[in-house]
């Protein structure tokens, strides 16, 4: 078990949980850009079981609310870094 975790962390540069959260956030951002589904439905469909946690996580990692992200995407006002979760702002 620990060998798998170590190999995964070494390969991807992050733990399994962090990787899964990044993937979830990437999918949420994609759906916010291309669909009109309610934000809460998108969050739940992508594995976030707590809406308050989802909103806090999204704002902490993207720097804006999901609704603001969607609005900016629809207006064509997102810069590339805001579209790509893997280049999200780093915590200091």
N, C-alpha and C. Protein backbone atom coordinates (compact mmCIF):
# COMPACT_ATOMS: atom_id res chain seq x y z
N UNK A 1 0.82 -1.19 0.00
CA UNK A 1 0.00 0.00 0.00
C UNK A 1 0.87 1.26 0.00
N UNK A 2 1.82 1.34 0.90
CA UNK A 2 2.64 2.55 0.98
C UNK A 2 3.51 2.72 -0.26
N UNK A 3 3.89 1.61 -0.90
CA UNK A 3 4.68 1.71 -2.14
C UNK A 3 3.84 2.33 -3.25
N UNK A 4 2.57 1.96 -3.34
CA UNK A 4 1.68 2.53 -4.34
C UNK A 4 1.51 4.02 -4.10
N UNK A 5 1.28 4.39 -2.86
CA UNK A 5 1.09 5.81 -2.51
C UNK A 5 2.36 6.60 -2.82
N UNK A 6 3.50 6.06 -2.46
CA UNK A 6 4.78 6.74 -2.72
C UNK A 6 5.01 6.88 -4.23
N UNK A 7 4.78 5.82 -4.98
CA UNK A 7 4.96 5.86 -6.44
C UNK A 7 4.01 6.86 -7.07
N UNK A 8 2.76 6.86 -6.64
CA UNK A 8 1.79 7.81 -7.16
C UNK A 8 2.23 9.24 -6.89
N UNK A 9 2.61 9.51 -5.65
CA UNK A 9 3.04 10.86 -5.27
C UNK A 9 4.27 11.30 -6.06
N UNK A 10 5.20 10.38 -6.25
CA UNK A 10 6.41 10.71 -7.01
C UNK A 10 6.08 10.97 -8.48
N UNK A 11 5.18 10.19 -9.04
CA UNK A 11 4.81 10.32 -10.45
C UNK A 11 4.01 11.59 -10.72
N UNK A 12 3.03 11.88 -9.87
CA UNK A 12 2.12 12.99 -10.11
C UNK A 12 2.45 14.26 -9.32
N UNK A 13 3.38 14.16 -8.41
CA UNK A 13 3.78 15.34 -7.64
C UNK A 13 2.78 15.76 -6.58
N UNK A 14 1.85 14.86 -6.26
CA UNK A 14 0.84 15.14 -5.23
C UNK A 14 0.26 13.82 -4.76
N UNK A 15 -0.42 13.87 -3.63
CA UNK A 15 -1.06 12.67 -3.11
C UNK A 15 -2.31 12.32 -3.90
N UNK A 16 -2.82 11.14 -3.63
CA UNK A 16 -3.99 10.64 -4.35
C UNK A 16 -5.21 11.54 -4.10
N UNK A 17 -5.43 11.93 -2.87
CA UNK A 17 -6.57 12.79 -2.55
C UNK A 17 -6.48 14.12 -3.28
N UNK A 18 -5.30 14.73 -3.27
CA UNK A 18 -5.12 16.00 -3.97
C UNK A 18 -5.37 15.84 -5.47
N UNK A 19 -4.88 14.75 -6.02
CA UNK A 19 -5.09 14.49 -7.44
C UNK A 19 -6.58 14.35 -7.76
N UNK A 20 -7.29 13.59 -6.95
CA UNK A 20 -8.72 13.41 -7.18
C UNK A 20 -9.48 14.73 -7.07
N UNK A 21 -9.10 15.55 -6.10
CA UNK A 21 -9.76 16.86 -5.95
C UNK A 21 -9.47 17.75 -7.15
N UNK A 22 -8.26 17.71 -7.66
CA UNK A 22 -7.91 18.48 -8.87
C UNK A 22 -8.74 18.02 -10.06
N UNK A 23 -8.89 16.71 -10.21
CA UNK A 23 -9.68 16.17 -11.32
C UNK A 23 -11.15 16.58 -11.18
N UNK A 24 -11.68 16.51 -9.97
CA UNK A 24 -13.07 16.92 -9.75
C UNK A 24 -13.25 18.39 -10.10
N UNK A 25 -12.33 19.22 -9.64
CA UNK A 25 -12.43 20.65 -9.90
C UNK A 25 -12.32 20.93 -11.39
N UNK A 26 -11.46 20.22 -12.07
CA UNK A 26 -11.32 20.40 -13.52
C UNK A 26 -12.64 20.07 -14.23
N UNK A 27 -13.29 18.99 -13.82
CA UNK A 27 -14.57 18.61 -14.42
C UNK A 27 -15.66 19.63 -14.11
N UNK A 28 -15.69 20.12 -12.87
CA UNK A 28 -16.67 21.14 -12.50
C UNK A 28 -16.48 22.38 -13.37
N UNK A 29 -15.25 22.82 -13.53
CA UNK A 29 -14.98 24.01 -14.32
C UNK A 29 -15.39 23.80 -15.78
N UNK A 30 -15.15 22.62 -16.32
CA UNK A 30 -15.57 22.32 -17.67
C UNK A 30 -17.10 22.45 -17.80
N UNK A 31 -17.82 21.84 -16.87
CA UNK A 31 -19.28 21.89 -16.91
C UNK A 31 -19.81 23.30 -16.70
N UNK A 32 -19.14 24.08 -15.89
CA UNK A 32 -19.56 25.48 -15.72
C UNK A 32 -19.42 26.25 -17.03
N UNK A 33 -18.38 25.91 -17.80
CA UNK A 33 -18.15 26.61 -19.07
C UNK A 33 -19.11 26.17 -20.17
N UNK A 34 -19.48 24.89 -20.20
CA UNK A 34 -20.21 24.39 -21.37
C UNK A 34 -21.68 24.07 -21.13
N UNK A 35 -22.15 24.12 -19.89
CA UNK A 35 -23.54 23.76 -19.63
C UNK A 35 -24.26 24.85 -18.85
N UNK A 36 -25.55 24.70 -18.78
CA UNK A 36 -26.38 25.61 -17.98
C UNK A 36 -26.96 24.91 -16.76
N UNK A 37 -26.38 23.75 -16.41
CA UNK A 37 -26.83 23.02 -15.22
C UNK A 37 -26.62 23.90 -13.99
N UNK A 38 -27.48 23.75 -12.98
CA UNK A 38 -27.27 24.49 -11.73
C UNK A 38 -25.92 24.12 -11.10
N UNK A 39 -25.29 25.09 -10.49
CA UNK A 39 -23.97 24.89 -9.88
C UNK A 39 -24.01 23.74 -8.87
N UNK A 40 -25.03 23.71 -8.03
CA UNK A 40 -25.11 22.64 -7.02
C UNK A 40 -25.18 21.26 -7.66
N UNK A 41 -25.91 21.14 -8.76
CA UNK A 41 -26.00 19.85 -9.45
C UNK A 41 -24.65 19.44 -10.03
N UNK A 42 -23.94 20.39 -10.59
CA UNK A 42 -22.61 20.10 -11.13
C UNK A 42 -21.69 19.61 -10.02
N UNK A 43 -21.73 20.30 -8.88
CA UNK A 43 -20.88 19.91 -7.75
C UNK A 43 -21.20 18.49 -7.29
N UNK A 44 -22.47 18.21 -7.09
CA UNK A 44 -22.88 16.87 -6.63
C UNK A 44 -22.54 15.80 -7.65
N UNK A 45 -22.75 16.08 -8.93
CA UNK A 45 -22.45 15.12 -9.99
C UNK A 45 -20.96 14.80 -10.09
N UNK A 46 -20.13 15.68 -9.56
CA UNK A 46 -18.69 15.49 -9.66
C UNK A 46 -18.04 15.10 -8.34
N UNK A 47 -18.84 14.58 -7.42
CA UNK A 47 -18.29 13.97 -6.21
C UNK A 47 -18.19 14.85 -4.99
N UNK A 48 -18.69 16.08 -5.06
CA UNK A 48 -18.70 16.93 -3.87
C UNK A 48 -20.01 16.68 -3.15
N UNK A 49 -19.94 16.11 -1.96
CA UNK A 49 -21.17 15.76 -1.24
C UNK A 49 -21.66 16.89 -0.34
N UNK A 50 -20.82 17.88 -0.11
CA UNK A 50 -21.19 19.03 0.72
C UNK A 50 -21.09 20.30 -0.13
N UNK A 51 -22.21 20.97 -0.32
CA UNK A 51 -22.22 22.19 -1.12
C UNK A 51 -21.40 23.30 -0.47
N UNK A 52 -21.52 23.53 0.85
CA UNK A 52 -20.68 24.57 1.46
C UNK A 52 -19.17 24.27 1.29
N UNK A 53 -18.80 23.00 1.47
CA UNK A 53 -17.39 22.63 1.26
C UNK A 53 -16.98 22.90 -0.18
N UNK A 54 -17.84 22.52 -1.14
CA UNK A 54 -17.54 22.76 -2.55
C UNK A 54 -17.29 24.24 -2.81
N UNK A 55 -18.19 25.09 -2.35
CA UNK A 55 -18.03 26.53 -2.60
C UNK A 55 -16.72 27.05 -2.00
N UNK A 56 -16.43 26.66 -0.76
CA UNK A 56 -15.17 27.09 -0.13
C UNK A 56 -13.96 26.58 -0.90
N UNK A 57 -14.00 25.32 -1.30
CA UNK A 57 -12.89 24.73 -2.05
C UNK A 57 -12.71 25.43 -3.39
N UNK A 58 -13.80 25.69 -4.09
CA UNK A 58 -13.74 26.35 -5.39
C UNK A 58 -13.14 27.74 -5.26
N UNK A 59 -13.65 28.53 -4.33
CA UNK A 59 -13.15 29.90 -4.16
C UNK A 59 -11.68 29.89 -3.76
N UNK A 60 -11.31 29.00 -2.86
CA UNK A 60 -9.92 28.91 -2.39
C UNK A 60 -8.96 28.55 -3.53
N UNK A 61 -9.42 27.71 -4.46
CA UNK A 61 -8.53 27.23 -5.51
C UNK A 61 -8.64 27.99 -6.83
N UNK A 62 -9.77 28.63 -7.07
CA UNK A 62 -9.96 29.32 -8.33
C UNK A 62 -9.92 30.83 -8.15
N UNK A 63 -10.26 31.31 -6.95
CA UNK A 63 -10.19 32.74 -6.68
C UNK A 63 -11.46 33.50 -6.98
N UNK A 64 -12.54 32.78 -7.26
CA UNK A 64 -13.85 33.39 -7.50
C UNK A 64 -14.91 32.33 -7.27
N UNK A 65 -16.15 32.75 -7.15
CA UNK A 65 -17.24 31.80 -6.95
C UNK A 65 -17.50 31.03 -8.24
N UNK A 66 -18.14 29.87 -8.15
CA UNK A 66 -18.50 29.13 -9.36
C UNK A 66 -19.38 29.96 -10.31
N UNK A 67 -20.32 30.71 -9.76
CA UNK A 67 -21.20 31.53 -10.60
C UNK A 67 -20.42 32.62 -11.32
N UNK A 68 -19.47 33.24 -10.62
CA UNK A 68 -18.64 34.26 -11.27
C UNK A 68 -17.77 33.63 -12.35
N UNK A 69 -17.24 32.44 -12.07
CA UNK A 69 -16.43 31.73 -13.06
C UNK A 69 -17.25 31.47 -14.32
N UNK A 70 -18.48 30.99 -14.14
CA UNK A 70 -19.36 30.70 -15.28
C UNK A 70 -19.64 31.99 -16.07
N UNK A 71 -19.95 33.04 -15.36
CA UNK A 71 -20.26 34.32 -16.02
C UNK A 71 -19.06 34.81 -16.83
N UNK A 72 -17.89 34.77 -16.23
CA UNK A 72 -16.68 35.21 -16.94
C UNK A 72 -16.39 34.32 -18.14
N UNK A 73 -16.64 33.02 -18.00
CA UNK A 73 -16.43 32.10 -19.12
C UNK A 73 -17.38 32.43 -20.27
N UNK A 74 -18.64 32.69 -19.93
CA UNK A 74 -19.64 33.00 -20.96
C UNK A 74 -19.33 34.33 -21.66
N UNK A 75 -18.70 35.23 -20.94
CA UNK A 75 -18.35 36.53 -21.51
C UNK A 75 -17.00 36.49 -22.22
N UNK A 76 -16.33 35.32 -22.17
CA UNK A 76 -15.01 35.19 -22.79
C UNK A 76 -13.92 35.95 -22.06
N UNK A 77 -14.10 36.13 -20.75
CA UNK A 77 -13.16 36.93 -19.96
C UNK A 77 -12.26 36.10 -19.05
N UNK A 78 -12.16 34.81 -19.31
CA UNK A 78 -11.25 33.99 -18.52
C UNK A 78 -9.90 33.94 -19.20
N UNK A 79 -8.85 34.09 -18.40
CA UNK A 79 -7.51 33.88 -18.96
C UNK A 79 -7.20 32.39 -18.88
N UNK A 80 -6.21 31.93 -19.61
CA UNK A 80 -5.91 30.49 -19.68
C UNK A 80 -5.73 29.86 -18.32
N UNK A 81 -5.02 30.52 -17.40
CA UNK A 81 -4.78 29.94 -16.09
C UNK A 81 -6.08 29.71 -15.33
N UNK A 82 -7.09 30.55 -15.56
CA UNK A 82 -8.36 30.37 -14.88
C UNK A 82 -9.14 29.20 -15.47
N UNK A 83 -8.82 28.79 -16.68
CA UNK A 83 -9.51 27.68 -17.32
C UNK A 83 -8.87 26.34 -16.96
N UNK A 84 -7.62 26.33 -16.58
CA UNK A 84 -6.89 25.09 -16.36
C UNK A 84 -6.59 24.88 -14.88
N UNK A 85 -7.27 23.93 -14.27
CA UNK A 85 -7.08 23.64 -12.85
C UNK A 85 -5.63 23.29 -12.53
N UNK A 86 -4.94 22.60 -13.43
CA UNK A 86 -3.59 22.14 -13.13
C UNK A 86 -2.60 23.29 -13.03
N UNK A 87 -2.97 24.48 -13.47
CA UNK A 87 -2.11 25.64 -13.30
C UNK A 87 -2.73 26.64 -12.34
N UNK A 88 -3.59 26.12 -11.47
CA UNK A 88 -4.28 26.98 -10.50
C UNK A 88 -3.27 27.70 -9.61
N UNK A 89 -3.76 28.76 -8.97
CA UNK A 89 -2.85 29.52 -8.12
C UNK A 89 -2.35 28.65 -6.97
N UNK A 90 -1.10 28.83 -6.64
CA UNK A 90 -0.48 28.02 -5.59
C UNK A 90 -0.67 28.70 -4.24
N UNK A 91 -0.89 27.89 -3.23
CA UNK A 91 -0.97 28.43 -1.87
C UNK A 91 0.44 28.65 -1.36
N UNK A 92 0.61 29.76 -0.63
CA UNK A 92 1.94 30.08 -0.10
C UNK A 92 2.03 29.67 1.34
